[in-house]
Amino acid sequence: MKIHLPYGRQGLEVALPDQARVLLPERVPPLARPEEAVRQALRQPIGSPPLAELVQPTHTVAIVFSDITRPTPNHILLPAILSELAARGVPEENVALVNATGMHRPNTREELVAMLGQEVVDRYRIVQHDARDKGQQAFLRKNERGAEIWINGDYMRADVRILTGFVEPHIFAGYSGGGKAVLPGIAGAEIIMSNHGGPMLAHPRATWCQTEGNPVFEEARRVALATQPAFIVNVTLNERKETTGVFAGELIQAHDAGIAFAERVYLQPLPQRYDIVVVTNMGYPADINLYQSGKGMSVAAQAVKEGGAIVLAAECADGLGQAHYGEMLAWRQTPQELLDMVLEPGFAELEQWAIQCQAMVQVRANVHLYSSLGLEQTIRAHLKHCPDIGETVATLSEDFRRKNGGKEPAILVMPFGQLAVPRVEG
């Protein structure tokens, strides 16, 4: 069969065995008028007065928005929020737009224009958060593990603080959105590393679609609440990155409403695990680099048999991604050694979460990567180079038949990565 896989901006057409099962998210139609839905949500929010009632003309306002690695429709959310503020009499110079880069690189002006629109970029002050620059941050407190919590100073100094984002299954925080706009979005490096540290990510509940008892999710929410955000605006998206729901208002109630919607749409029960799983990282911008694309291989690991094979299609136009992540990949010779390294008591390095999550998959299954990375970079990342997805699956299938008396392998295709999270029954 022929199947289209999201990959970069253009996608791929791939020939795969007819017996393969294709796991798709529930079909959810987009909102007919998403701009109007956002405006309505701002005026009829969940658990909160309307946004306009929370601001005065003399207030300073900080609006946190997702960076280029996330498909959040900032071009829809921010104009609607800014329009409400302007109608309330808040001057443009009183508003700061804070780019929630977490530990990622700052975004270029061209990227900001693509994300926000030319008019917003020209008229409003944009703050690119730098997790490594304490001079840009304000101290909040320490967490129970002794890590200092620093948060973006422009955000903390504002009279009114607004968080935006989108809700989808997350590799170790359960679901994105909500408090993640603060931690890791606009937090300091020390608390990000603590929240994303080895013991936290090794917790059995720090996984896809799990919030209750998930230490990563719960700490992100606690820290966000401690910063006293006035309002959040979260959305859900379908596989075409179209807006399917808007959830605005008080952080806990609005985020929980978004999670409940996402739970119905994104979780997909499966009766068994599979020998071969083909997966994507949902195309651009999510597959912009390998650092981000580990999420695709991780969600595939929820469905693959131990010792099976994962074939990941992720363009990685920006290469490996974070520089230190690439450096750490070379610190050990095997995924098991990398995992052991990260779990050593006291180990603390920037970007270690990506190493840990990738290694946790690779000790379970063989991962083949189809990307724009060359053979050398792919091998450097401890991955198997895939020059052609169809041919790789055919070779893996033949190897399976040879080792299993002619039996056909069970093959699963996950075109939309974490928008269809498998949950194996039993």
Protein backbone atom coordinates (compact mmCIF):
# COMPACT_ATOMS: atom_id res chain seq x y z
CA MET A 1 0.00 0.00 0.00
CA LYS A 2 0.98 3.63 -0.52
CA ILE A 3 0.84 5.90 2.49
CA HIS A 4 1.66 9.56 3.05
CA LEU A 5 3.95 10.32 5.98
CA PRO A 6 4.36 13.83 7.41
CA TYR A 7 8.04 14.69 6.93
CA GLY A 8 9.50 18.18 6.93
CA ARG A 9 7.26 20.63 5.09
CA GLN A 10 6.44 18.41 2.09
CA GLY A 11 5.87 14.88 3.39
CA LEU A 12 6.72 11.49 1.89
CA GLU A 13 4.89 8.88 -0.16
CA VAL A 14 5.99 5.44 1.01
CA ALA A 15 5.18 1.92 -0.17
CA LEU A 16 4.58 -0.48 2.74
CA PRO A 17 3.23 -4.05 3.06
CA ASP A 18 -0.54 -4.33 2.63
CA GLN A 19 -0.94 -6.22 5.92
CA ALA A 20 0.44 -3.29 7.96
CA ARG A 21 -1.98 -1.69 10.40
CA VAL A 22 -2.22 2.10 10.21
CA LEU A 23 -2.87 3.83 13.54
CA LEU A 24 -4.60 7.17 13.06
CA PRO A 25 -5.86 9.76 15.52
CA GLU A 26 -9.59 10.15 15.82
CA ARG A 27 -10.88 12.33 13.02
CA VAL A 28 -11.76 15.68 14.56
CA PRO A 29 -12.97 18.44 12.23
CA PRO A 30 -11.31 21.83 12.63
CA LEU A 31 -13.18 24.73 14.11
CA ALA A 32 -14.91 26.57 11.30
CA ARG A 33 -13.82 29.97 12.61
CA PRO A 34 -10.88 29.48 14.98
CA GLU A 35 -10.23 33.22 15.38
CA GLU A 36 -13.79 33.74 16.56
CA ALA A 37 -13.56 30.67 18.84
CA VAL A 38 -10.49 32.17 20.53
CA ARG A 39 -12.22 35.52 21.00
CA GLN A 40 -15.25 33.78 22.49
CA ALA A 41 -13.03 31.76 24.84
CA LEU A 42 -11.35 34.95 26.06
CA ARG A 43 -14.78 36.41 26.85
CA GLN A 44 -16.37 33.23 28.24
CA PRO A 45 -13.45 31.43 29.89
CA ILE A 46 -13.32 28.41 32.20
CA GLY A 47 -13.12 29.15 35.92
CA SER A 48 -12.15 32.78 35.43
CA PRO A 49 -13.61 36.21 34.69
CA PRO A 50 -13.20 37.32 31.05
CA LEU A 51 -9.69 38.43 30.17
CA ALA A 52 -10.81 42.04 29.71
CA GLU A 53 -11.95 42.14 33.35
CA LEU A 54 -8.51 41.10 34.59
CA VAL A 55 -6.60 44.04 33.09
CA GLN A 56 -6.54 47.79 33.58
CA PRO A 57 -5.14 50.40 31.16
CA THR A 58 -2.22 51.03 33.53
CA HIS A 59 -1.20 47.36 33.76
CA THR A 60 1.89 45.83 32.24
CA VAL A 61 1.20 42.51 30.53
CA ALA A 62 3.42 39.55 29.60
CA ILE A 63 2.16 36.97 27.10
CA VAL A 64 4.15 33.74 26.84
CA PHE A 65 4.07 32.05 23.42
CA SER A 66 5.53 28.79 22.07
CA ASP A 67 8.74 28.82 20.01
CA ILE A 68 9.35 27.59 16.48
CA THR A 69 9.60 23.91 17.52
CA ARG A 70 5.88 23.82 18.38
CA PRO A 71 2.91 24.05 15.99
CA THR A 72 0.91 26.28 18.34
CA PRO A 73 -1.15 28.68 16.15
CA ASN A 74 0.44 31.81 17.62
CA HIS A 75 -0.75 33.78 14.59
CA ILE A 76 -4.32 33.14 15.78
CA LEU A 77 -3.90 33.31 19.56
CA LEU A 78 -1.78 36.42 19.97
CA PRO A 79 -3.74 38.81 17.73
CA ALA A 80 -6.94 37.86 19.57
CA ILE A 81 -5.36 38.43 22.98
CA LEU A 82 -3.71 41.68 21.89
CA SER A 83 -7.02 42.92 20.49
CA GLU A 84 -8.71 42.36 23.86
CA LEU A 85 -5.92 44.23 25.63
CA ALA A 86 -6.07 47.12 23.17
CA ALA A 87 -9.86 47.38 23.57
CA ARG A 88 -9.31 47.61 27.32
CA GLY A 89 -6.93 50.52 26.79
CA VAL A 90 -3.61 48.78 27.50
CA PRO A 91 -0.87 50.60 25.52
CA GLU A 92 1.26 48.51 23.16
CA GLU A 93 4.41 49.58 25.01
CA ASN A 94 3.02 47.96 28.19
CA VAL A 95 2.96 44.53 26.55
CA ALA A 96 5.87 42.06 26.34
CA LEU A 97 5.67 38.91 24.22
CA VAL A 98 7.90 36.28 25.82
CA ASN A 99 9.16 33.50 23.55
CA ALA A 100 9.12 30.25 25.54
CA THR A 101 12.33 28.79 24.16
CA GLY A 102 13.12 26.62 27.19
CA MET A 103 16.63 25.38 26.42
CA HIS A 104 16.21 25.86 22.66
CA ARG A 105 17.94 28.41 20.44
CA PRO A 106 16.42 31.88 19.97
CA ASN A 107 14.22 32.26 16.92
CA THR A 108 15.21 34.37 13.95
CA ARG A 109 13.23 37.43 12.94
CA GLU A 110 12.01 35.55 9.88
CA GLU A 111 10.75 32.72 12.09
CA LEU A 112 9.04 35.17 14.42
CA VAL A 113 7.27 36.80 11.48
CA ALA A 114 6.14 33.39 10.24
CA MET A 115 4.90 32.49 13.73
CA LEU A 116 3.29 35.77 14.80
CA GLY A 117 2.73 37.84 11.68
CA GLN A 118 4.59 40.92 10.46
CA GLU A 119 2.32 43.42 12.23
CA VAL A 120 2.78 41.82 15.67
CA VAL A 121 6.56 41.60 15.26
CA ASP A 122 6.78 45.22 14.14
CA ARG A 123 4.56 46.67 16.86
CA TYR A 124 5.31 44.71 20.04
CA ARG A 125 8.38 44.07 22.15
CA ILE A 126 9.50 40.44 21.89
CA VAL A 127 11.64 38.87 24.61
CA GLN A 128 13.58 35.76 23.62
CA HIS A 129 13.95 33.79 26.82
CA ASP A 130 17.47 32.56 27.61
CA ALA A 131 17.48 29.80 30.23
CA ARG A 132 21.23 30.21 30.75
CA ASP A 133 21.12 33.96 31.50
CA LYS A 134 20.22 34.62 35.14
CA GLY A 135 20.54 38.33 34.45
CA GLN A 136 17.34 38.00 32.43
CA GLN A 137 15.52 36.10 35.20
CA ALA A 138 13.98 36.55 38.66
CA PHE A 139 14.42 34.13 41.56
CA LEU A 140 11.24 32.38 42.69
CA ARG A 141 12.29 29.77 45.29
CA LYS A 142 13.99 26.38 45.59
CA ASN A 143 12.27 23.09 44.86
CA GLU A 144 12.21 20.13 47.24
CA ARG A 145 15.35 18.72 45.59
CA GLY A 146 17.28 21.92 46.32
CA ALA A 147 17.31 23.30 42.77
CA GLU A 148 16.86 27.06 42.39
CA ILE A 149 13.81 28.13 40.41
CA TRP A 150 14.46 31.19 38.27
CA ILE A 151 11.78 32.50 35.91
CA ASN A 152 11.94 35.04 33.09
CA GLY A 153 12.08 38.51 34.66
CA ASP A 154 9.91 40.30 32.10
CA TYR A 155 7.17 37.80 32.83
CA MET A 156 7.55 37.98 36.61
CA ARG A 157 7.56 41.79 36.69
CA ALA A 158 4.34 42.10 34.67
CA ASP A 159 1.10 42.96 36.45
CA VAL A 160 -0.84 40.49 34.31
CA ARG A 161 0.70 37.20 33.13
CA ILE A 162 -0.84 35.19 30.30
CA LEU A 163 0.26 31.72 29.18
CA THR A 164 -0.49 30.19 25.79
CA GLY A 165 0.25 26.79 24.30
CA PHE A 166 -1.31 23.65 22.91
CA VAL A 167 -2.32 20.36 24.47
CA GLU A 168 -1.03 17.09 23.05
CA PRO A 169 0.45 13.89 24.51
CA HIS A 170 3.97 14.46 25.86
CA ILE A 171 6.88 12.05 26.10
CA PHE A 172 7.40 12.41 29.88
CA ALA A 173 5.13 15.23 31.09
CA GLY A 174 1.96 13.34 30.15
CA TYR A 175 0.49 16.25 28.22
CA SER A 176 1.86 19.53 26.96
CA GLY A 177 0.26 22.90 27.52
CA GLY A 178 -0.67 24.44 30.85
CA GLY A 179 2.26 24.82 33.21
CA LYS A 180 4.83 23.78 30.62
CA ALA A 181 4.71 27.32 29.26
CA VAL A 182 6.54 28.30 32.46
CA LEU A 183 8.55 25.13 33.17
CA PRO A 184 10.48 24.57 30.95
CA GLY A 185 9.25 27.38 28.66
CA ILE A 186 10.54 30.44 30.50
CA ALA A 187 12.46 28.85 33.38
CA GLY A 188 16.15 28.88 34.26
CA ALA A 189 18.51 26.09 33.27
CA GLU A 190 18.93 24.70 36.79
CA ILE A 191 15.25 23.98 37.41
CA ILE A 192 14.78 22.67 33.85
CA MET A 193 17.63 20.21 34.40
CA SER A 194 16.20 19.23 37.78
CA ASN A 195 12.70 18.73 36.39
CA HIS A 196 14.08 16.81 33.39
CA GLY A 197 16.68 14.89 35.45
CA GLY A 198 17.38 11.18 35.37
CA PRO A 199 15.34 10.09 38.41
CA MET A 200 12.36 12.21 37.36
CA LEU A 201 12.23 10.79 33.83
CA ALA A 202 12.84 7.24 35.08
CA HIS A 203 9.68 7.42 37.21
CA PRO A 204 7.12 4.90 35.85
CA ARG A 205 4.40 7.57 35.66
CA ALA A 206 6.57 10.08 33.77
CA THR A 207 5.25 8.96 30.42
CA TRP A 208 2.76 9.57 27.64
CA CYS A 209 -0.78 10.62 28.62
CA GLN A 210 -0.17 10.21 32.36
CA THR A 211 -0.69 13.20 34.65
CA GLU A 212 -1.79 11.81 38.01
CA GLY A 213 1.29 10.87 40.02
CA ASN A 214 3.57 12.11 37.22
CA PRO A 215 6.32 14.07 39.03
CA VAL A 216 7.32 16.04 35.91
CA PHE A 217 3.77 17.19 35.18
CA GLU A 218 2.96 17.95 38.79
CA GLU A 219 6.08 20.05 39.38
CA ALA A 220 5.55 22.03 36.16
CA ARG A 221 2.03 22.85 37.29
CA ARG A 222 3.14 23.78 40.83
CA VAL A 223 5.86 26.11 39.56
CA ALA A 224 3.51 27.74 37.04
CA LEU A 225 0.88 28.33 39.73
CA ALA A 226 3.54 29.85 42.00
CA THR A 227 4.15 32.53 39.35
CA GLN A 228 0.46 33.50 39.61
CA PRO A 229 -0.59 33.55 35.96
CA ALA A 230 -3.80 35.48 35.45
CA PHE A 231 -5.03 33.52 32.44
CA ILE A 232 -4.12 30.73 30.01
CA VAL A 233 -5.16 30.07 26.42
CA ASN A 234 -4.53 26.52 25.17
CA VAL A 235 -5.68 24.80 22.00
CA THR A 236 -5.84 21.30 20.59
CA LEU A 237 -4.89 20.47 17.01
CA ASN A 238 -5.69 17.70 14.55
CA GLU A 239 -3.24 15.88 12.29
CA ARG A 240 -3.36 18.78 9.81
CA LYS A 241 -2.36 21.19 12.60
CA GLU A 242 -5.84 22.76 12.42
CA THR A 243 -7.39 24.06 15.63
CA THR A 244 -10.01 21.71 17.07
CA GLY A 245 -10.62 23.19 20.51
CA VAL A 246 -9.87 26.29 22.60
CA PHE A 247 -9.50 26.12 26.39
CA ALA A 248 -9.02 29.45 28.14
CA GLY A 249 -9.24 30.71 31.70
CA GLU A 250 -7.83 29.59 35.06
CA LEU A 251 -4.76 27.40 34.64
CA ILE A 252 -5.91 24.18 36.31
CA GLN A 253 -9.48 24.14 35.07
CA ALA A 254 -8.73 25.23 31.51
CA HIS A 255 -5.75 22.89 31.15
CA ASP A 256 -7.69 19.95 32.61
CA ALA A 257 -10.49 20.62 30.11
CA GLY A 258 -7.96 20.53 27.29
CA ILE A 259 -6.44 17.31 28.61
CA ALA A 260 -9.87 15.65 28.86
CA PHE A 261 -10.53 16.54 25.23
CA ALA A 262 -7.10 15.29 24.18
CA GLU A 263 -7.54 12.04 26.09
CA ARG A 264 -10.59 11.18 24.01
CA VAL A 265 -8.90 12.05 20.73
CA TYR A 266 -5.25 11.01 20.97
CA LEU A 267 -5.22 7.76 22.96
CA GLN A 268 -5.65 4.67 20.77
CA PRO A 269 -6.09 1.17 22.27
CA LEU A 270 -4.18 -1.69 20.65
CA PRO A 271 -4.67 -5.42 21.21
CA GLN A 272 -0.98 -6.31 20.84
CA ARG A 273 2.58 -5.09 20.34
CA TYR A 274 4.22 -5.10 16.93
CA ASP A 275 7.46 -6.42 15.46
CA ILE A 276 8.04 -3.37 13.24
CA VAL A 277 6.73 0.14 13.86
CA VAL A 278 7.03 2.94 11.29
CA VAL A 279 6.56 6.37 12.86
CA THR A 280 7.02 10.08 12.19
CA ASN A 281 7.56 13.12 14.38
CA MET A 282 4.59 14.78 12.62
CA GLY A 283 6.67 16.73 10.11
CA TYR A 284 7.72 20.38 10.40
CA PRO A 285 8.23 22.02 12.85
CA ALA A 286 8.27 19.06 15.26
CA ASP A 287 10.90 17.16 13.22
CA ILE A 288 13.18 20.20 12.84
CA ASN A 289 16.05 18.30 14.52
CA LEU A 290 16.89 14.95 16.06
CA TYR A 291 16.80 16.44 19.57
CA GLN A 292 13.05 16.97 19.16
CA SER A 293 12.44 13.87 17.04
CA GLY A 294 13.24 11.48 19.84
CA LYS A 295 9.59 11.94 20.78
CA GLY A 296 8.56 10.06 17.65
CA MET A 297 10.72 7.06 18.47
CA SER A 298 9.50 7.16 22.08
CA VAL A 299 5.82 7.01 21.18
CA ALA A 300 6.58 4.13 18.80
CA ALA A 301 8.22 2.32 21.71
CA GLN A 302 4.80 2.17 23.38
CA ALA A 303 3.74 -0.29 20.67
CA VAL A 304 6.89 -2.17 19.65
CA LYS A 305 7.85 -5.60 20.96
CA GLU A 306 11.05 -5.87 22.93
CA GLY A 307 13.83 -6.55 20.43
CA GLY A 308 11.67 -5.23 17.58
CA ALA A 309 12.42 -2.45 15.12
CA ILE A 310 11.35 1.18 14.86
CA VAL A 311 11.69 3.10 11.59
CA LEU A 312 11.52 6.85 12.25
CA ALA A 313 10.93 9.39 9.47
CA ALA A 314 12.11 12.81 10.68
CA GLU A 315 13.72 15.36 8.37
CA CYS A 316 16.03 17.00 10.98
CA ALA A 317 16.65 20.03 8.75
CA ASP A 318 18.54 21.69 11.63
CA GLY A 319 20.70 18.60 12.16
CA LEU A 320 21.11 17.01 15.57
CA GLY A 321 19.79 20.12 17.33
CA GLN A 322 21.15 21.32 20.64
CA ALA A 323 24.96 21.31 20.51
CA HIS A 324 25.52 19.72 23.90
CA TYR A 325 23.09 16.93 23.07
CA GLY A 326 25.26 16.09 20.07
CA GLU A 327 28.39 16.19 22.23
CA MET A 328 26.94 13.86 24.84
CA LEU A 329 26.01 11.27 22.24
CA ALA A 330 29.73 10.69 21.78
CA TRP A 331 30.47 10.27 25.49
CA ARG A 332 29.61 6.57 25.47
CA GLN A 333 29.75 3.77 22.91
CA THR A 334 26.24 2.28 23.24
CA PRO A 335 22.71 3.37 24.19
CA GLN A 336 22.87 1.23 27.34
CA GLU A 337 26.07 2.99 28.40
CA LEU A 338 24.46 6.37 27.74
CA LEU A 339 21.44 5.41 29.83
CA ASP A 340 23.66 4.18 32.67
CA MET A 341 25.61 7.44 32.49
CA VAL A 342 22.52 9.64 32.81
CA LEU A 343 21.21 7.59 35.74
CA GLU A 344 24.45 7.83 37.72
CA PRO A 345 23.87 9.66 41.03
CA GLY A 346 24.70 13.33 40.70
CA PHE A 347 24.81 13.35 36.88
CA ALA A 348 23.52 16.71 35.64
CA GLU A 349 24.05 18.01 32.12
CA LEU A 350 22.13 20.28 29.81
CA GLU A 351 20.00 18.36 27.29
CA GLN A 352 20.31 15.10 29.23
CA TRP A 353 16.56 14.43 28.91
CA ALA A 354 16.95 13.85 25.17
CA ILE A 355 19.80 11.40 25.74
CA GLN A 356 17.84 9.52 28.38
CA CYS A 357 14.59 9.29 26.43
CA GLN A 358 16.37 8.18 23.27
CA ALA A 359 18.48 5.59 25.10
CA MET A 360 15.43 4.20 26.92
CA VAL A 361 13.94 3.40 23.51
CA GLN A 362 17.13 2.04 22.00
CA VAL A 363 17.74 -0.49 24.76
CA ARG A 364 14.29 -1.87 23.92
CA ALA A 365 14.31 -1.78 20.12
CA ASN A 366 16.54 -1.15 17.10
CA VAL A 367 15.88 2.33 15.68
CA HIS A 368 16.36 3.10 11.99
CA LEU A 369 16.33 6.78 11.00
CA TYR A 370 15.26 8.19 7.64
CA SER A 371 16.30 11.86 7.61
CA SER A 372 18.37 14.51 5.91
CA LEU A 373 21.26 13.65 8.24
CA GLY A 374 24.15 11.91 6.59
CA LEU A 375 25.32 8.40 7.37
CA GLU A 376 28.07 9.66 9.69
CA GLN A 377 25.74 11.80 11.83
CA THR A 378 23.16 9.02 12.04
CA ILE A 379 25.73 6.51 13.25
CA ARG A 380 27.11 9.11 15.66
CA ALA A 381 23.63 9.25 17.20
CA HIS A 382 23.75 5.45 17.72
CA LEU A 383 21.00 4.99 15.13
CA LYS A 384 20.81 2.77 12.06
CA HIS A 385 20.84 4.68 8.76
CA CYS A 386 17.71 4.18 6.65
CA PRO A 387 18.23 5.21 3.00
CA ASP A 388 14.69 4.20 1.95
CA ILE A 389 11.77 3.45 4.29
CA GLY A 390 10.05 0.91 2.05
CA GLU A 391 13.26 -1.01 1.41
CA THR A 392 14.21 -0.96 5.10
CA VAL A 393 10.81 -2.37 6.12
CA ALA A 394 11.10 -5.03 3.39
CA THR A 395 14.56 -6.04 4.66
CA LEU A 396 13.38 -6.13 8.27
CA SER A 397 10.38 -8.24 7.22
CA GLU A 398 12.56 -10.70 5.35
CA ASP A 399 14.90 -11.03 8.35
CA PHE A 400 11.90 -11.66 10.59
CA ARG A 401 10.49 -14.36 8.30
CA ARG A 402 13.86 -16.08 8.10
CA LYS A 403 14.17 -16.18 11.90
CA ASN A 404 10.56 -17.20 12.51
CA GLY A 405 9.89 -20.03 10.08
CA GLY A 406 8.27 -17.88 7.41
CA LYS A 407 5.86 -16.13 9.75
CA GLU A 408 4.92 -12.61 8.69
CA PRO A 409 5.89 -9.77 11.05
CA ALA A 410 3.22 -7.64 12.67
CA ILE A 411 3.72 -4.12 11.28
CA LEU A 412 2.26 -0.89 12.65
CA VAL A 413 2.38 2.49 10.92
CA MET A 414 1.99 5.67 12.99
CA PRO A 415 1.88 8.54 10.47
CA PHE A 416 1.05 11.18 13.07
CA GLY A 417 3.37 10.19 15.90
CA GLN A 418 2.13 11.40 19.27
CA LEU A 419 -1.28 12.41 17.93
CA ALA A 420 -2.20 8.72 18.14
CA VAL A 421 -0.61 7.31 21.30
CA PRO A 422 -0.93 3.51 21.49
CA ARG A 423 -2.08 1.94 24.72
CA VAL A 424 -1.69 -1.83 24.56
CA GLU A 425 -4.64 -3.52 26.22
CA GLY A 426 -3.77 -5.72 29.16
